[in-house]
Amino acid sequence: MDFQMDYESPLGLLTLTCREEGLTGIRMNCGACGGSLPHPILTRTAQWLDGYFAGVPEAVSIPLAPQGTPFQHLIWELLLTIPYGESRTYGSLARQAAGALGRPRMSAQAVGGAVGRNPISILIPCHRVLGSGGQLTGYAGGLEKKQWLLRHEGIAFLP
């Protein structure tokens, strides 16, 4: 069974979703979810978001259950290692992923595709990934929201 609730954030309405095994999504720009089926995981996620938006980030201790391919899961796990207030480039993530997979190299574009399919925005911090040289790149929630999140964390970027 899927559970969902809306969360009002400084970025606008977010829709939080979970299953019994863990959080499955934090989505932006989708409007009200049309109902609420509360769950303790969603309550914990809302509390985590309260702290994040208040500038008091906590380690992620919420069980996560994003749906994706094994490669996407690898990239999302790498995103979780990027500390609050820091960023990485697609190229550096590609080098990490290549090492984890025992390959000599990996395409930054393949990594970008997996980053772009992250269903748990903010908590799995795909907004902390920048282009080479620190350029701002795409964001599923919109570039203005990525800029807001980066500024909120004090991360420098090039427009």
C-alpha atoms as a PDB file:
ATOM      1  CA  MET A   1       0.000   0.000   0.000  1.00  0.00           C
ATOM      2  CA  ASP A   2       1.214   3.499  -0.827  1.00  0.00           C
ATOM      3  CA  PHE A   3       0.976   6.369   1.636  1.00  0.00           C
ATOM      4  CA  GLN A   4       1.230  10.046   0.789  1.00  0.00           C
ATOM      5  CA  MET A   5       1.004  13.496   2.258  1.00  0.00           C
ATOM      6  CA  ASP A   6       1.602  17.070   1.184  1.00  0.00           C
ATOM      7  CA  TYR A   7       4.301  19.172   2.819  1.00  0.00           C
ATOM      8  CA  GLU A   8       4.370  22.953   2.536  1.00  0.00           C
ATOM      9  CA  SER A   9       7.972  24.094   2.048  1.00  0.00           C
ATOM     10  CA  PRO A  10       9.780  27.319   1.141  1.00  0.00           C
ATOM     11  CA  LEU A  11       9.971  25.840  -2.372  1.00  0.00           C
ATOM     12  CA  GLY A  12       6.212  25.320  -2.536  1.00  0.00           C
ATOM     13  CA  LEU A  13       4.135  22.225  -2.055  1.00  0.00           C
ATOM     14  CA  LEU A  14       6.028  18.914  -1.925  1.00  0.00           C
ATOM     15  CA  THR A  15       4.330  15.538  -2.136  1.00  0.00           C
ATOM     16  CA  LEU A  16       5.855  12.859   0.090  1.00  0.00           C
ATOM     17  CA  THR A  17       5.185   9.177  -0.660  1.00  0.00           C
ATOM     18  CA  CYS A  18       6.178   5.947   1.023  1.00  0.00           C
ATOM     19  CA  ARG A  19       5.489   2.271   1.332  1.00  0.00           C
ATOM     20  CA  GLU A  20       5.871   0.199   4.471  1.00  0.00           C
ATOM     21  CA  GLU A  21       9.546  -0.443   3.630  1.00  0.00           C
ATOM     22  CA  GLY A  22      10.543   3.189   3.196  1.00  0.00           C
ATOM     23  CA  LEU A  23      10.258   6.596   1.577  1.00  0.00           C
ATOM     24  CA  THR A  24       9.627   6.369  -2.166  1.00  0.00           C
ATOM     25  CA  GLY A  25       9.362   9.983  -3.215  1.00  0.00           C
ATOM     26  CA  ILE A  26       9.619  13.689  -2.532  1.00  0.00           C
ATOM     27  CA  ARG A  27       8.185  15.400  -5.575  1.00  0.00           C
ATOM     28  CA  MET A  28       8.009  19.067  -6.490  1.00  0.00           C
ATOM     29  CA  ASN A  29       5.626  20.810  -8.854  1.00  0.00           C
ATOM     30  CA  CYS A  30       2.942  18.149  -8.779  1.00  0.00           C
ATOM     31  CA  GLY A  31       0.180  20.019  -6.964  1.00  0.00           C
ATOM     32  CA  ALA A  32      -1.783  18.662  -4.058  1.00  0.00           C
ATOM     33  CA  CYS A  33      -1.789  14.881  -3.922  1.00  0.00           C
ATOM     34  CA  GLY A  34      -5.551  14.824  -3.548  1.00  0.00           C
ATOM     35  CA  GLY A  35      -5.644  13.159  -0.189  1.00  0.00           C
ATOM     36  CA  SER A  36      -3.510  12.063   2.668  1.00  0.00           C
ATOM     37  CA  LEU A  37      -2.739   8.593   3.928  1.00  0.00           C
ATOM     38  CA  PRO A  38      -0.390   9.357   6.817  1.00  0.00           C
ATOM     39  CA  HIS A  39       2.415   7.033   7.852  1.00  0.00           C
ATOM     40  CA  PRO A  40       5.220   7.344  10.462  1.00  0.00           C
ATOM     41  CA  ILE A  41       7.848   7.440   7.677  1.00  0.00           C
ATOM     42  CA  LEU A  42       6.115  10.477   6.180  1.00  0.00           C
ATOM     43  CA  THR A  43       5.938  12.164   9.585  1.00  0.00           C
ATOM     44  CA  ARG A  44       9.675  11.561  10.088  1.00  0.00           C
ATOM     45  CA  THR A  45      10.378  12.894   6.593  1.00  0.00           C
ATOM     46  CA  ALA A  46       8.373  16.052   7.317  1.00  0.00           C
ATOM     47  CA  GLN A  47      10.348  16.518  10.545  1.00  0.00           C
ATOM     48  CA  TRP A  48      13.624  16.033   8.660  1.00  0.00           C
ATOM     49  CA  LEU A  49      12.516  18.613   6.082  1.00  0.00           C
ATOM     50  CA  ASP A  50      11.558  21.041   8.880  1.00  0.00           C
ATOM     51  CA  GLY A  51      15.117  20.821  10.187  1.00  0.00           C
ATOM     52  CA  TYR A  52      16.657  21.076   6.729  1.00  0.00           C
ATOM     53  CA  PHE A  53      14.703  24.198   5.829  1.00  0.00           C
ATOM     54  CA  ALA A  54      15.476  25.709   9.256  1.00  0.00           C
ATOM     55  CA  GLY A  55      19.193  25.305   8.465  1.00  0.00           C
ATOM     56  CA  VAL A  56      19.691  22.458  10.938  1.00  0.00           C
ATOM     57  CA  PRO A  57      20.465  19.490   8.685  1.00  0.00           C
ATOM     58  CA  GLU A  58      20.498  16.017  10.170  1.00  0.00           C
ATOM     59  CA  ALA A  59      21.928  12.779   8.891  1.00  0.00           C
ATOM     60  CA  VAL A  60      19.403  10.784   6.910  1.00  0.00           C
ATOM     61  CA  SER A  61      17.976   8.085   9.182  1.00  0.00           C
ATOM     62  CA  ILE A  62      14.748   7.548   7.278  1.00  0.00           C
ATOM     63  CA  PRO A  63      14.412   4.196   5.493  1.00  0.00           C
ATOM     64  CA  LEU A  64      14.566   4.810   1.756  1.00  0.00           C
ATOM     65  CA  ALA A  65      12.869   2.719  -0.918  1.00  0.00           C
ATOM     66  CA  PRO A  66      13.256   4.542  -4.244  1.00  0.00           C
ATOM     67  CA  GLN A  67      12.254   2.573  -7.298  1.00  0.00           C
ATOM     68  CA  GLY A  68      14.953   2.321  -9.960  1.00  0.00           C
ATOM     69  CA  THR A  69      17.545   0.230 -11.728  1.00  0.00           C
ATOM     70  CA  PRO A  70      20.659  -1.091  -9.963  1.00  0.00           C
ATOM     71  CA  PHE A  71      22.731   1.610 -11.706  1.00  0.00           C
ATOM     72  CA  GLN A  72      20.357   4.334 -10.560  1.00  0.00           C
ATOM     73  CA  HIS A  73      20.518   2.982  -7.008  1.00  0.00           C
ATOM     74  CA  LEU A  74      24.326   3.121  -7.138  1.00  0.00           C
ATOM     75  CA  ILE A  75      24.244   6.774  -8.220  1.00  0.00           C
ATOM     76  CA  TRP A  76      21.633   7.670  -5.588  1.00  0.00           C
ATOM     77  CA  GLU A  77      23.825   6.034  -2.920  1.00  0.00           C
ATOM     78  CA  LEU A  78      26.740   8.175  -4.117  1.00  0.00           C
ATOM     79  CA  LEU A  79      24.542  11.277  -3.865  1.00  0.00           C
ATOM     80  CA  LEU A  80      23.854  10.445  -0.226  1.00  0.00           C
ATOM     81  CA  THR A  81      27.604  10.718   0.478  1.00  0.00           C
ATOM     82  CA  ILE A  82      27.752  14.388  -0.579  1.00  0.00           C
ATOM     83  CA  PRO A  83      27.767  16.388   2.661  1.00  0.00           C
ATOM     84  CA  TYR A  84      25.451  19.320   3.329  1.00  0.00           C
ATOM     85  CA  GLY A  85      27.046  22.493   1.977  1.00  0.00           C
ATOM     86  CA  GLU A  86      29.256  20.688  -0.547  1.00  0.00           C
ATOM     87  CA  SER A  87      28.858  19.821  -4.206  1.00  0.00           C
ATOM     88  CA  ARG A  88      30.221  17.339  -6.711  1.00  0.00           C
ATOM     89  CA  THR A  89      30.430  17.338 -10.479  1.00  0.00           C
ATOM     90  CA  TYR A  90      28.873  14.800 -12.794  1.00  0.00           C
ATOM     91  CA  GLY A  91      32.417  13.863 -13.826  1.00  0.00           C
ATOM     92  CA  SER A  92      33.542  13.150 -10.270  1.00  0.00           C
ATOM     93  CA  LEU A  93      30.445  11.008  -9.679  1.00  0.00           C
ATOM     94  CA  ALA A  94      31.179   9.168 -12.934  1.00  0.00           C
ATOM     95  CA  ARG A  95      34.703   8.377 -11.683  1.00  0.00           C
ATOM     96  CA  GLN A  96      33.305   7.121  -8.347  1.00  0.00           C
ATOM     97  CA  ALA A  97      30.697   4.978 -10.102  1.00  0.00           C
ATOM     98  CA  ALA A  98      33.283   3.555 -12.502  1.00  0.00           C
ATOM     99  CA  GLY A  99      35.455   2.586  -9.540  1.00  0.00           C
ATOM    100  CA  ALA A 100      32.531   0.987  -7.732  1.00  0.00           C
ATOM    101  CA  LEU A 101      31.693  -1.028 -10.851  1.00  0.00           C
ATOM    102  CA  GLY A 102      35.314  -1.965 -11.618  1.00  0.00           C
ATOM    103  CA  ARG A 103      35.321  -0.082 -14.909  1.00  0.00           C
ATOM    104  CA  PRO A 104      38.074   2.176 -16.235  1.00  0.00           C
ATOM    105  CA  ARG A 105      35.634   5.018 -16.941  1.00  0.00           C
ATOM    106  CA  MET A 106      31.989   5.963 -17.114  1.00  0.00           C
ATOM    107  CA  SER A 107      30.034   8.585 -18.985  1.00  0.00           C
ATOM    108  CA  ALA A 108      29.077  11.705 -17.031  1.00  0.00           C
ATOM    109  CA  GLN A 109      25.924  11.755 -19.184  1.00  0.00           C
ATOM    110  CA  ALA A 110      24.912   8.303 -17.918  1.00  0.00           C
ATOM    111  CA  VAL A 111      25.383   9.563 -14.375  1.00  0.00           C
ATOM    112  CA  GLY A 112      23.352  12.670 -15.231  1.00  0.00           C
ATOM    113  CA  GLY A 113      20.508  10.489 -16.452  1.00  0.00           C
ATOM    114  CA  ALA A 114      20.427   8.588 -13.159  1.00  0.00           C
ATOM    115  CA  VAL A 115      20.710  11.802 -11.122  1.00  0.00           C
ATOM    116  CA  GLY A 116      17.775  13.249 -13.080  1.00  0.00           C
ATOM    117  CA  ARG A 117      15.597  10.243 -12.226  1.00  0.00           C
ATOM    118  CA  ASN A 118      16.103  10.585  -8.472  1.00  0.00           C
ATOM    119  CA  PRO A 119      12.589  10.272  -7.020  1.00  0.00           C
ATOM    120  CA  ILE A 120      13.507  11.544  -3.535  1.00  0.00           C
ATOM    121  CA  SER A 121      14.632  15.110  -4.147  1.00  0.00           C
ATOM    122  CA  ILE A 122      16.296  17.157  -1.397  1.00  0.00           C
ATOM    123  CA  LEU A 123      16.817  14.169   0.911  1.00  0.00           C
ATOM    124  CA  ILE A 124      18.840  12.356  -1.775  1.00  0.00           C
ATOM    125  CA  PRO A 125      20.684  15.553  -2.689  1.00  0.00           C
ATOM    126  CA  CYS A 126      20.781  15.597  -6.474  1.00  0.00           C
ATOM    127  CA  HIS A 127      20.733  19.415  -6.281  1.00  0.00           C
ATOM    128  CA  ARG A 128      24.362  19.250  -5.050  1.00  0.00           C
ATOM    129  CA  VAL A 129      25.583  18.020  -8.445  1.00  0.00           C
ATOM    130  CA  LEU A 130      26.998  20.668 -10.768  1.00  0.00           C
ATOM    131  CA  GLY A 131      28.570  20.708 -14.186  1.00  0.00           C
ATOM    132  CA  SER A 132      32.333  20.844 -14.635  1.00  0.00           C
ATOM    133  CA  GLY A 133      33.679  24.117 -13.311  1.00  0.00           C
ATOM    134  CA  GLY A 134      30.678  24.533 -11.001  1.00  0.00           C
ATOM    135  CA  GLN A 135      28.106  25.448 -13.648  1.00  0.00           C
ATOM    136  CA  LEU A 136      24.453  25.186 -12.819  1.00  0.00           C
ATOM    137  CA  THR A 137      22.821  22.359 -14.750  1.00  0.00           C
ATOM    138  CA  GLY A 138      19.304  21.005 -15.053  1.00  0.00           C
ATOM    139  CA  TYR A 139      17.068  20.047 -12.154  1.00  0.00           C
ATOM    140  CA  ALA A 140      13.785  18.165 -12.322  1.00  0.00           C
ATOM    141  CA  GLY A 141      12.198  20.642  -9.882  1.00  0.00           C
ATOM    142  CA  GLY A 142      13.339  23.605 -11.998  1.00  0.00           C
ATOM    143  CA  LEU A 143      16.568  25.598 -11.992  1.00  0.00           C
ATOM    144  CA  GLU A 144      15.169  28.299  -9.702  1.00  0.00           C
ATOM    145  CA  LYS A 145      14.560  25.653  -7.024  1.00  0.00           C
ATOM    146  CA  LYS A 146      18.037  24.200  -7.494  1.00  0.00           C
ATOM    147  CA  GLN A 147      19.490  27.698  -7.087  1.00  0.00           C
ATOM    148  CA  TRP A 148      17.436  28.196  -3.912  1.00  0.00           C
ATOM    149  CA  LEU A 149      18.646  24.896  -2.431  1.00  0.00           C
ATOM    150  CA  LEU A 150      22.284  25.610  -3.294  1.00  0.00           C
ATOM    151  CA  ARG A 151      22.103  29.107  -1.787  1.00  0.00           C
ATOM    152  CA  HIS A 152      20.334  27.699   1.280  1.00  0.00           C
ATOM    153  CA  GLU A 153      23.293  25.373   1.827  1.00  0.00           C
ATOM    154  CA  GLY A 154      25.883  28.041   1.007  1.00  0.00           C
ATOM    155  CA  ILE A 155      27.135  26.226  -2.103  1.00  0.00           C
ATOM    156  CA  ALA A 156      28.777  28.426  -4.740  1.00  0.00           C
ATOM    157  CA  PHE A 157      27.837  27.825  -8.374  1.00  0.00           C
ATOM    158  CA  LEU A 158      28.129  29.496 -11.750  1.00  0.00           C
ATOM    159  CA  PRO A 159      24.838  30.449 -13.426  1.00  0.00           C
END
